[in-house]
Amino acid sequence: MTLILDRPFEARVSPAQKRARAIDARLREAVVLMVLLNLVVWGGMVATARGLINVHQLADQAWALGASWVAALPQVSVTISR
């Protein structure tokens, strides 16, 4: 912030400055989250390339888990009548 010598220093923060700071804080959080997710993705890619993660086995396990969740859902029959 530049100090202007013509007028007195205003110690209060304007509502526009508060909004700008809030937007900057949210943007900073979004960038940090994006960097962390990027690191997780690249870490997974490196682990897969080195053979530490078997992608096919992982996909099979995810498919089986999803199938068990679907099987656990109650069967609901809905009849619409007038």
Protein backbone atom coordinates (compact mmCIF):
# COMPACT_ATOMS: atom_id res chain seq x y z
CA MET A 1 0.00 0.00 0.00
CA THR A 2 1.38 3.38 -0.96
CA LEU A 3 1.49 6.23 1.54
CA ILE A 4 0.00 9.41 0.13
CA LEU A 5 1.20 12.55 1.90
CA ASP A 6 -1.72 14.81 0.82
CA ARG A 7 -4.29 13.22 3.07
CA PRO A 8 -4.18 11.63 6.52
CA PHE A 9 -3.51 7.91 6.93
CA GLU A 10 -6.72 5.89 7.14
CA ALA A 11 -6.31 3.06 9.65
CA ARG A 12 -9.65 1.41 8.86
CA VAL A 13 -9.92 -1.37 6.32
CA SER A 14 -12.54 -0.75 3.67
CA PRO A 15 -15.15 -3.40 2.83
CA ALA A 16 -13.58 -3.77 -0.62
CA GLN A 17 -10.23 -4.58 0.97
CA LYS A 18 -11.91 -7.14 3.25
CA ARG A 19 -13.55 -8.79 0.24
CA ALA A 20 -10.24 -8.79 -1.63
CA ARG A 21 -8.47 -10.41 1.33
CA ALA A 22 -11.21 -13.07 1.60
CA ILE A 23 -10.93 -13.83 -2.11
CA ASP A 24 -7.13 -14.03 -1.83
CA ALA A 25 -7.43 -16.42 1.13
CA ARG A 26 -9.84 -18.70 -0.75
CA LEU A 27 -7.62 -18.64 -3.82
CA ARG A 28 -4.59 -19.49 -1.72
CA GLU A 29 -6.46 -22.45 -0.16
CA ALA A 30 -7.54 -23.66 -3.58
CA VAL A 31 -3.97 -23.51 -4.89
CA VAL A 32 -2.63 -25.41 -1.87
CA LEU A 33 -5.31 -28.09 -2.30
CA MET A 34 -4.53 -28.34 -6.01
CA VAL A 35 -0.81 -28.79 -5.29
CA LEU A 36 -1.50 -31.50 -2.69
CA LEU A 37 -3.82 -33.40 -5.03
CA ASN A 38 -1.26 -33.07 -7.82
CA LEU A 39 1.40 -34.57 -5.54
CA VAL A 40 -0.90 -37.48 -4.69
CA VAL A 41 -1.60 -38.15 -8.36
CA TRP A 42 2.06 -37.97 -9.36
CA GLY A 43 3.02 -40.15 -6.40
CA GLY A 44 0.52 -42.75 -7.56
CA MET A 45 1.87 -42.59 -11.10
CA VAL A 46 5.44 -43.08 -9.90
CA ALA A 47 4.40 -45.94 -7.62
CA THR A 48 2.54 -47.58 -10.51
CA ALA A 49 5.51 -47.17 -12.83
CA ARG A 50 7.82 -48.76 -10.27
CA GLY A 51 5.44 -51.67 -9.81
CA LEU A 52 4.49 -50.87 -6.24
CA ILE A 53 0.80 -50.60 -7.17
CA ASN A 54 -0.96 -53.17 -9.33
CA VAL A 55 -3.58 -51.14 -11.17
CA HIS A 56 -5.58 -54.15 -12.39
CA GLN A 57 -5.84 -55.65 -8.92
CA LEU A 58 -6.85 -52.25 -7.52
CA ALA A 59 -9.57 -51.89 -10.18
CA ASP A 60 -10.88 -55.39 -9.41
CA GLN A 61 -11.04 -54.59 -5.70
CA ALA A 62 -12.86 -51.32 -6.37
CA TRP A 63 -15.33 -53.13 -8.64
CA ALA A 64 -15.98 -55.79 -5.98
CA LEU A 65 -16.47 -53.13 -3.30
CA GLY A 66 -18.93 -51.23 -5.48
CA ALA A 67 -20.82 -54.43 -6.29
CA SER A 68 -21.11 -55.29 -2.60
CA TRP A 69 -22.50 -51.80 -1.85
CA VAL A 70 -25.06 -52.13 -4.63
CA ALA A 71 -26.04 -55.59 -3.40
CA ALA A 72 -26.49 -54.22 0.12
CA LEU A 73 -28.98 -51.58 -1.01
CA PRO A 74 -32.57 -52.52 -0.27
CA GLN A 75 -34.71 -53.34 -3.25
CA VAL A 76 -37.43 -50.69 -3.42
CA SER A 77 -40.44 -51.04 -5.63
CA VAL A 78 -42.27 -47.81 -6.39
CA THR A 79 -45.71 -47.86 -7.93
CA ILE A 80 -47.28 -44.63 -9.08
CA SER A 81 -51.04 -44.64 -9.31
CA ARG A 82 -53.74 -42.01 -9.52
